[in-house]
Amino acid sequence: MGMPLELNTLIVTKGREQRIEENLFVLEKEGYRLYPIEIPIEVRKTLDSISNGSALIKKLEWEHNKTTITYQLISLNSTN
């Protein structure tokens, strides 16, 4: 029996991220997802929004049909 797995090359937060330190965040997503670790990838609020910045995924956990990622924001795109 197979395990459904989704490969992601973009972090889409939908505003559900939680800050644990200054530039370190945790995000929980439904299903099993695979992300590149320690490679800069885009962070967006929604799939169709513009990029908020770039991040490095530091930790990836799969448990109970959920994926939890811990990522470090390395650049922030701001309109200020």
PDB file of N, CA and C in Angstrom:
ATOM      1  N   MET A   1       0.845  -1.174   0.000  1.00  0.00           N
ATOM      2  CA  MET A   1       0.000   0.000   0.000  1.00  0.00           C
ATOM      3  C   MET A   1       0.893   1.241   0.000  1.00  0.00           C
ATOM      4  N   GLY A   2       0.575   2.198  -0.861  1.00  0.00           N
ATOM      5  CA  GLY A   2       1.385   3.402  -1.002  1.00  0.00           C
ATOM      6  C   GLY A   2       1.003   4.492  -0.023  1.00  0.00           C
ATOM      7  N   MET A   3       1.900   5.436   0.106  1.00  0.00           N
ATOM      8  CA  MET A   3       1.679   6.590   0.967  1.00  0.00           C
ATOM      9  C   MET A   3       1.589   7.826   0.075  1.00  0.00           C
ATOM     10  N   PRO A   4       0.489   8.606   0.155  1.00  0.00           N
ATOM     11  CA  PRO A   4       0.411   9.817  -0.668  1.00  0.00           C
ATOM     12  C   PRO A   4       1.460  10.827  -0.216  1.00  0.00           C
ATOM     13  N   LEU A   5       2.178  11.380  -1.178  1.00  0.00           N
ATOM     14  CA  LEU A   5       3.267  12.304  -0.880  1.00  0.00           C
ATOM     15  C   LEU A   5       3.247  13.435  -1.897  1.00  0.00           C
ATOM     16  N   GLU A   6       3.394  14.649  -1.426  1.00  0.00           N
ATOM     17  CA  GLU A   6       3.416  15.820  -2.292  1.00  0.00           C
ATOM     18  C   GLU A   6       4.790  16.462  -2.211  1.00  0.00           C
ATOM     19  N   LEU A   7       5.366  16.813  -3.349  1.00  0.00           N
ATOM     20  CA  LEU A   7       6.666  17.475  -3.399  1.00  0.00           C
ATOM     21  C   LEU A   7       6.441  18.969  -3.569  1.00  0.00           C
ATOM     22  N   ASN A   8       6.974  19.768  -2.658  1.00  0.00           N
ATOM     23  CA  ASN A   8       6.782  21.221  -2.671  1.00  0.00           C
ATOM     24  C   ASN A   8       8.107  21.945  -2.831  1.00  0.00           C
ATOM     25  N   THR A   9       8.101  23.009  -3.634  1.00  0.00           N
ATOM     26  CA  THR A   9       9.290  23.835  -3.807  1.00  0.00           C
ATOM     27  C   THR A   9       8.987  25.285  -3.454  1.00  0.00           C
ATOM     28  N   LEU A  10       7.932  25.473  -2.652  1.00  0.00           N
ATOM     29  CA  LEU A  10       7.453  26.784  -2.257  1.00  0.00           C
ATOM     30  C   LEU A  10       6.752  26.629  -0.916  1.00  0.00           C
ATOM     31  N   ILE A  11       6.952  27.567   0.002  1.00  0.00           N
ATOM     32  CA  ILE A  11       6.250  27.545   1.281  1.00  0.00           C
ATOM     33  C   ILE A  11       5.057  28.491   1.169  1.00  0.00           C
ATOM     34  N   VAL A  12       3.851  27.954   1.314  1.00  0.00           N
ATOM     35  CA  VAL A  12       2.630  28.754   1.301  1.00  0.00           C
ATOM     36  C   VAL A  12       2.074  28.725   2.723  1.00  0.00           C
ATOM     37  N   THR A  13       2.076  29.875   3.398  1.00  0.00           N
ATOM     38  CA  THR A  13       1.757  29.917   4.827  1.00  0.00           C
ATOM     39  C   THR A  13       0.270  30.064   5.141  1.00  0.00           C
ATOM     40  N   LYS A  14      -0.475  30.762   4.289  1.00  0.00           N
ATOM     41  CA  LYS A  14      -1.889  31.086   4.539  1.00  0.00           C
ATOM     42  C   LYS A  14      -2.076  31.734   5.911  1.00  0.00           C
ATOM     43  N   GLY A  15      -1.028  32.376   6.417  1.00  0.00           N
ATOM     44  CA  GLY A  15      -1.095  33.071   7.697  1.00  0.00           C
ATOM     45  C   GLY A  15      -1.076  32.161   8.907  1.00  0.00           C
ATOM     46  N   ARG A  16      -0.735  30.895   8.731  1.00  0.00           N
ATOM     47  CA  ARG A  16      -0.755  29.919   9.831  1.00  0.00           C
ATOM     48  C   ARG A  16       0.609  29.680  10.472  1.00  0.00           C
ATOM     49  N   GLU A  17       1.627  30.384  10.027  1.00  0.00           N
ATOM     50  CA  GLU A  17       2.959  30.200  10.592  1.00  0.00           C
ATOM     51  C   GLU A  17       3.009  30.751  12.009  1.00  0.00           C
ATOM     52  N   GLN A  18       3.872  30.163  12.821  1.00  0.00           N
ATOM     53  CA  GLN A  18       4.067  30.621  14.193  1.00  0.00           C
ATOM     54  C   GLN A  18       5.540  30.953  14.384  1.00  0.00           C
ATOM     55  N   ARG A  19       5.803  32.143  14.883  1.00  0.00           N
ATOM     56  CA  ARG A  19       7.181  32.565  15.130  1.00  0.00           C
ATOM     57  C   ARG A  19       7.664  31.926  16.425  1.00  0.00           C
ATOM     58  N   ILE A  20       8.866  31.283  16.377  1.00  0.00           N
ATOM     59  CA  ILE A  20       9.425  30.711  17.604  1.00  0.00           C
ATOM     60  C   ILE A  20      10.680  31.463  18.050  1.00  0.00           C
ATOM     61  N   GLU A  21      11.305  32.162  17.130  1.00  0.00           N
ATOM     62  CA  GLU A  21      12.423  33.062  17.421  1.00  0.00           C
ATOM     63  C   GLU A  21      12.353  34.192  16.414  1.00  0.00           C
ATOM     64  N   GLU A  22      13.339  35.058  16.415  1.00  0.00           N
ATOM     65  CA  GLU A  22      13.312  36.239  15.557  1.00  0.00           C
ATOM     66  C   GLU A  22      13.030  35.908  14.092  1.00  0.00           C
ATOM     67  N   ASN A  23      13.807  35.024  13.490  1.00  0.00           N
ATOM     68  CA  ASN A  23      13.615  34.665  12.085  1.00  0.00           C
ATOM     69  C   ASN A  23      13.276  33.191  11.900  1.00  0.00           C
ATOM     70  N   LEU A  24      12.848  32.506  12.938  1.00  0.00           N
ATOM     71  CA  LEU A  24      12.549  31.081  12.897  1.00  0.00           C
ATOM     72  C   LEU A  24      11.045  30.876  13.083  1.00  0.00           C
ATOM     73  N   PHE A  25      10.456  30.105  12.167  1.00  0.00           N
ATOM     74  CA  PHE A  25       9.014  29.887  12.165  1.00  0.00           C
ATOM     75  C   PHE A  25       8.695  28.399  12.078  1.00  0.00           C
ATOM     76  N   VAL A  26       7.501  28.029  12.550  1.00  0.00           N
ATOM     77  CA  VAL A  26       6.985  26.664  12.435  1.00  0.00           C
ATOM     78  C   VAL A  26       5.663  26.736  11.690  1.00  0.00           C
ATOM     79  N   LEU A  27       5.449  25.790  10.777  1.00  0.00           N
ATOM     80  CA  LEU A  27       4.219  25.733   9.993  1.00  0.00           C
ATOM     81  C   LEU A  27       3.783  24.280   9.887  1.00  0.00           C
ATOM     82  N   GLU A  28       2.508  24.023  10.170  1.00  0.00           N
ATOM     83  CA  GLU A  28       1.954  22.670  10.063  1.00  0.00           C
ATOM     84  C   GLU A  28       1.020  22.618   8.864  1.00  0.00           C
ATOM     85  N   LYS A  29       1.205  21.605   8.010  1.00  0.00           N
ATOM     86  CA  LYS A  29       0.400  21.429   6.806  1.00  0.00           C
ATOM     87  C   LYS A  29      -0.254  20.051   6.838  1.00  0.00           C
ATOM     88  N   GLU A  30      -1.438  19.933   6.251  1.00  0.00           N
ATOM     89  CA  GLU A  30      -2.130  18.653   6.144  1.00  0.00           C
ATOM     90  C   GLU A  30      -1.428  17.764   5.123  1.00  0.00           C
ATOM     91  N   GLY A  31      -1.396  16.481   5.379  1.00  0.00           N
ATOM     92  CA  GLY A  31      -0.810  15.520   4.451  1.00  0.00           C
ATOM     93  C   GLY A  31       0.699  15.422   4.598  1.00  0.00           C
ATOM     94  N   TYR A  32       1.258  14.491   3.851  1.00  0.00           N
ATOM     95  CA  TYR A  32       2.704  14.300   3.848  1.00  0.00           C
ATOM     96  C   TYR A  32       3.300  15.089   2.700  1.00  0.00           C
ATOM     97  N   ARG A  33       4.203  15.996   3.021  1.00  0.00           N
ATOM     98  CA  ARG A  33       4.826  16.869   2.031  1.00  0.00           C
ATOM     99  C   ARG A  33       6.344  16.805   2.172  1.00  0.00           C
ATOM    100  N   LEU A  34       7.011  16.877   1.054  1.00  0.00           N
ATOM    101  CA  LEU A  34       8.465  16.844   1.036  1.00  0.00           C
ATOM    102  C   LEU A  34       8.960  18.187   0.515  1.00  0.00           C
ATOM    103  N   TYR A  35       9.886  18.799   1.240  1.00  0.00           N
ATOM    104  CA  TYR A  35      10.471  20.089   0.879  1.00  0.00           C
ATOM    105  C   TYR A  35      11.986  19.945   0.816  1.00  0.00           C
ATOM    106  N   PRO A  36      12.645  20.764  -0.012  1.00  0.00           N
ATOM    107  CA  PRO A  36      14.114  20.758   0.004  1.00  0.00           C
ATOM    108  C   PRO A  36      14.607  21.374   1.315  1.00  0.00           C
ATOM    109  N   ILE A  37      15.601  20.761   1.910  1.00  0.00           N
ATOM    110  CA  ILE A  37      16.146  21.230   3.180  1.00  0.00           C
ATOM    111  C   ILE A  37      17.448  21.980   2.926  1.00  0.00           C
ATOM    112  N   GLU A  38      17.607  23.122   3.625  1.00  0.00           N
ATOM    113  CA  GLU A  38      18.816  23.953   3.553  1.00  0.00           C
ATOM    114  C   GLU A  38      19.073  24.520   2.151  1.00  0.00           C
ATOM    115  N   ILE A  39      18.010  24.691   1.360  1.00  0.00           N
ATOM    116  CA  ILE A  39      18.105  25.328   0.046  1.00  0.00           C
ATOM    117  C   ILE A  39      17.111  26.485   0.053  1.00  0.00           C
ATOM    118  N   PRO A  40      17.510  27.697  -0.340  1.00  0.00           N
ATOM    119  CA  PRO A  40      16.575  28.821  -0.317  1.00  0.00           C
ATOM    120  C   PRO A  40      15.352  28.566  -1.209  1.00  0.00           C
ATOM    121  N   ILE A  41      14.154  28.744  -0.623  1.00  0.00           N
ATOM    122  CA  ILE A  41      12.909  28.644  -1.382  1.00  0.00           C
ATOM    123  C   ILE A  41      12.013  29.826  -1.024  1.00  0.00           C
ATOM    124  N   GLU A  42      11.099  30.144  -1.936  1.00  0.00           N
ATOM    125  CA  GLU A  42      10.188  31.267  -1.745  1.00  0.00           C
ATOM    126  C   GLU A  42       9.175  31.006  -0.646  1.00  0.00           C
ATOM    127  N   VAL A  43       8.772  32.085   0.026  1.00  0.00           N
ATOM    128  CA  VAL A  43       7.697  32.038   1.012  1.00  0.00           C
ATOM    129  C   VAL A  43       6.601  32.974   0.517  1.00  0.00           C
ATOM    130  N   ARG A  44       5.380  32.455   0.454  1.00  0.00           N
ATOM    131  CA  ARG A  44       4.230  33.265   0.040  1.00  0.00           C
ATOM    132  C   ARG A  44       3.085  33.071   1.024  1.00  0.00           C
ATOM    133  N   LYS A  45       2.235  34.066   1.126  1.00  0.00           N
ATOM    134  CA  LYS A  45       1.062  33.955   1.992  1.00  0.00           C
ATOM    135  C   LYS A  45       0.013  33.053   1.341  1.00  0.00           C
ATOM    136  N   THR A  46      -0.219  33.217   0.035  1.00  0.00           N
ATOM    137  CA  THR A  46      -1.114  32.341  -0.723  1.00  0.00           C
ATOM    138  C   THR A  46      -0.382  31.921  -1.990  1.00  0.00           C
ATOM    139  N   LEU A  47      -0.899  30.919  -2.642  1.00  0.00           N
ATOM    140  CA  LEU A  47      -0.265  30.410  -3.852  1.00  0.00           C
ATOM    141  C   LEU A  47      -0.191  31.475  -4.943  1.00  0.00           C
ATOM    142  N   ASP A  48      -1.206  32.343  -5.026  1.00  0.00           N
ATOM    143  CA  ASP A  48      -1.272  33.355  -6.080  1.00  0.00           C
ATOM    144  C   ASP A  48      -0.667  34.694  -5.691  1.00  0.00           C
ATOM    145  N   SER A  49      -0.220  34.855  -4.448  1.00  0.00           N
ATOM    146  CA  SER A  49       0.332  36.134  -4.010  1.00  0.00           C
ATOM    147  C   SER A  49       1.792  36.273  -4.449  1.00  0.00           C
ATOM    148  N   ILE A  50       2.300  37.489  -4.294  1.00  0.00           N
ATOM    149  CA  ILE A  50       3.711  37.715  -4.611  1.00  0.00           C
ATOM    150  C   ILE A  50       4.571  37.151  -3.473  1.00  0.00           C
ATOM    151  N   SER A  51       5.822  36.952  -3.752  1.00  0.00           N
ATOM    152  CA  SER A  51       6.745  36.383  -2.768  1.00  0.00           C
ATOM    153  C   SER A  51       6.945  37.316  -1.584  1.00  0.00           C
ATOM    154  N   ASN A  52       6.883  36.768  -0.365  1.00  0.00           N
ATOM    155  CA  ASN A  52       7.158  37.540   0.848  1.00  0.00           C
ATOM    156  C   ASN A  52       8.643  37.539   1.177  1.00  0.00           C
ATOM    157  N   GLY A  53       9.371  36.562   0.657  1.00  0.00           N
ATOM    158  CA  GLY A  53      10.793  36.454   0.949  1.00  0.00           C
ATOM    159  C   GLY A  53      11.301  35.058   0.631  1.00  0.00           C
ATOM    160  N   SER A  54      12.462  34.739   1.203  1.00  0.00           N
ATOM    161  CA  SER A  54      13.087  33.427   1.023  1.00  0.00           C
ATOM    162  C   SER A  54      13.384  32.818   2.377  1.00  0.00           C
ATOM    163  N   ALA A  55      13.385  31.486   2.411  1.00  0.00           N
ATOM    164  CA  ALA A  55      13.632  30.787   3.670  1.00  0.00           C
ATOM    165  C   ALA A  55      14.437  29.526   3.426  1.00  0.00           C
ATOM    166  N   LEU A  56      15.068  29.056   4.508  1.00  0.00           N
ATOM    167  CA  LEU A  56      15.748  27.759   4.519  1.00  0.00           C
ATOM    168  C   LEU A  56      14.977  26.859   5.468  1.00  0.00           C
ATOM    169  N   ILE A  57      14.579  25.697   4.996  1.00  0.00           N
ATOM    170  CA  ILE A  57      13.906  24.746   5.879  1.00  0.00           C
ATOM    171  C   ILE A  57      14.978  24.042   6.696  1.00  0.00           C
ATOM    172  N   LYS A  58      14.829  24.115   8.007  1.00  0.00           N
ATOM    173  CA  LYS A  58      15.791  23.546   8.933  1.00  0.00           C
ATOM    174  C   LYS A  58      15.373  22.174   9.437  1.00  0.00           C
ATOM    175  N   LYS A  59      14.055  21.926   9.510  1.00  0.00           N
ATOM    176  CA  LYS A  59      13.567  20.667  10.069  1.00  0.00           C
ATOM    177  C   LYS A  59      12.241  20.326   9.414  1.00  0.00           C
ATOM    178  N   LEU A  60      12.030  19.035   9.138  1.00  0.00           N
ATOM    179  CA  LEU A  60      10.810  18.539   8.524  1.00  0.00           C
ATOM    180  C   LEU A  60      10.365  17.308   9.294  1.00  0.00           C
ATOM    181  N   GLU A  61       9.107  17.293   9.732  1.00  0.00           N
ATOM    182  CA  GLU A  61       8.583  16.161  10.505  1.00  0.00           C
ATOM    183  C   GLU A  61       7.269  15.682   9.899  1.00  0.00           C
ATOM    184  N   TRP A  62       7.106  14.369   9.800  1.00  0.00           N
ATOM    185  CA  TRP A  62       5.853  13.755   9.356  1.00  0.00           C
ATOM    186  C   TRP A  62       5.268  12.986  10.529  1.00  0.00           C
ATOM    187  N   GLU A  63       3.999  13.232  10.814  1.00  0.00           N
ATOM    188  CA  GLU A  63       3.341  12.499  11.886  1.00  0.00           C
ATOM    189  C   GLU A  63       1.830  12.673  11.760  1.00  0.00           C
ATOM    190  N   HIS A  64       1.100  11.562  11.859  1.00  0.00           N
ATOM    191  CA  HIS A  64      -0.370  11.567  11.859  1.00  0.00           C
ATOM    192  C   HIS A  64      -0.950  12.330  10.669  1.00  0.00           C
ATOM    193  N   ASN A  65      -0.452  12.038   9.477  1.00  0.00           N
ATOM    194  CA  ASN A  65      -0.911  12.649   8.224  1.00  0.00           C
ATOM    195  C   ASN A  65      -0.744  14.176   8.223  1.00  0.00           C
ATOM    196  N   LYS A  66       0.277  14.662   8.905  1.00  0.00           N
ATOM    197  CA  LYS A  66       0.601  16.088   8.920  1.00  0.00           C
ATOM    198  C   LYS A  66       2.099  16.266   8.727  1.00  0.00           C
ATOM    199  N   THR A  67       2.458  17.373   8.106  1.00  0.00           N
ATOM    200  CA  THR A  67       3.853  17.739   7.926  1.00  0.00           C
ATOM    201  C   THR A  67       4.098  19.023   8.711  1.00  0.00           C
ATOM    202  N   THR A  68       5.131  19.009   9.524  1.00  0.00           N
ATOM    203  CA  THR A  68       5.522  20.206  10.275  1.00  0.00           C
ATOM    204  C   THR A  68       6.905  20.624   9.797  1.00  0.00           C
ATOM    205  N   ILE A  69       7.000  21.879   9.353  1.00  0.00           N
ATOM    206  CA  ILE A  69       8.301  22.383   8.921  1.00  0.00           C
ATOM    207  C   ILE A  69       8.735  23.520   9.840  1.00  0.00           C
ATOM    208  N   THR A  70      10.018  23.552  10.105  1.00  0.00           N
ATOM    209  CA  THR A  70      10.637  24.659  10.823  1.00  0.00           C
ATOM    210  C   THR A  70      11.547  25.336   9.812  1.00  0.00           C
ATOM    211  N   TYR A  71      11.313  26.624   9.585  1.00  0.00           N
ATOM    212  CA  TYR A  71      12.112  27.329   8.583  1.00  0.00           C
ATOM    213  C   TYR A  71      12.633  28.653   9.115  1.00  0.00           C
ATOM    214  N   GLN A  72      13.766  29.056   8.530  1.00  0.00           N
ATOM    215  CA  GLN A  72      14.415  30.309   8.906  1.00  0.00           C
ATOM    216  C   GLN A  72      14.261  31.290   7.737  1.00  0.00           C
ATOM    217  N   LEU A  73      13.651  32.418   8.007  1.00  0.00           N
ATOM    218  CA  LEU A  73      13.500  33.463   6.998  1.00  0.00           C
ATOM    219  C   LEU A  73      14.864  34.121   6.779  1.00  0.00           C
ATOM    220  N   ILE A  74      15.352  34.083   5.541  1.00  0.00           N
ATOM    221  CA  ILE A  74      16.689  34.630   5.264  1.00  0.00           C
ATOM    222  C   ILE A  74      16.628  35.949   4.505  1.00  0.00           C
ATOM    223  N   SER A  75      15.497  36.227   3.842  1.00  0.00           N
ATOM    224  CA  SER A  75      15.312  37.532   3.197  1.00  0.00           C
ATOM    225  C   SER A  75      13.830  37.846   3.208  1.00  0.00           C
ATOM    226  N   LEU A  76      13.525  39.137   3.269  1.00  0.00           N
ATOM    227  CA  LEU A  76      12.155  39.603   3.334  1.00  0.00           C
ATOM    228  C   LEU A  76      11.938  40.642   2.262  1.00  0.00           C
ATOM    229  N   ASN A  77      10.919  40.438   1.437  1.00  0.00           N
ATOM    230  CA  ASN A  77      10.555  41.422   0.418  1.00  0.00           C
ATOM    231  C   ASN A  77       9.524  42.354   1.017  1.00  0.00           C
ATOM    232  N   SER A  78       9.853  43.628   1.064  1.00  0.00           N
ATOM    233  CA  SER A  78       8.973  44.611   1.702  1.00  0.00           C
ATOM    234  C   SER A  78       8.681  45.754   0.740  1.00  0.00           C
ATOM    235  N   THR A  79       7.479  46.308   0.840  1.00  0.00           N
ATOM    236  CA  THR A  79       7.104  47.435  -0.009  1.00  0.00           C
ATOM    237  C   THR A  79       7.244  48.758   0.730  1.00  0.00           C
ATOM    238  N   ASN A  80       7.862  48.760   1.902  1.00  0.00           N
ATOM    239  CA  ASN A  80       8.005  50.001   2.698  1.00  0.00           C
ATOM    240  C   ASN A  80       8.928  50.981   2.023  1.00  0.00           C
TER     241      ASN A  80
END
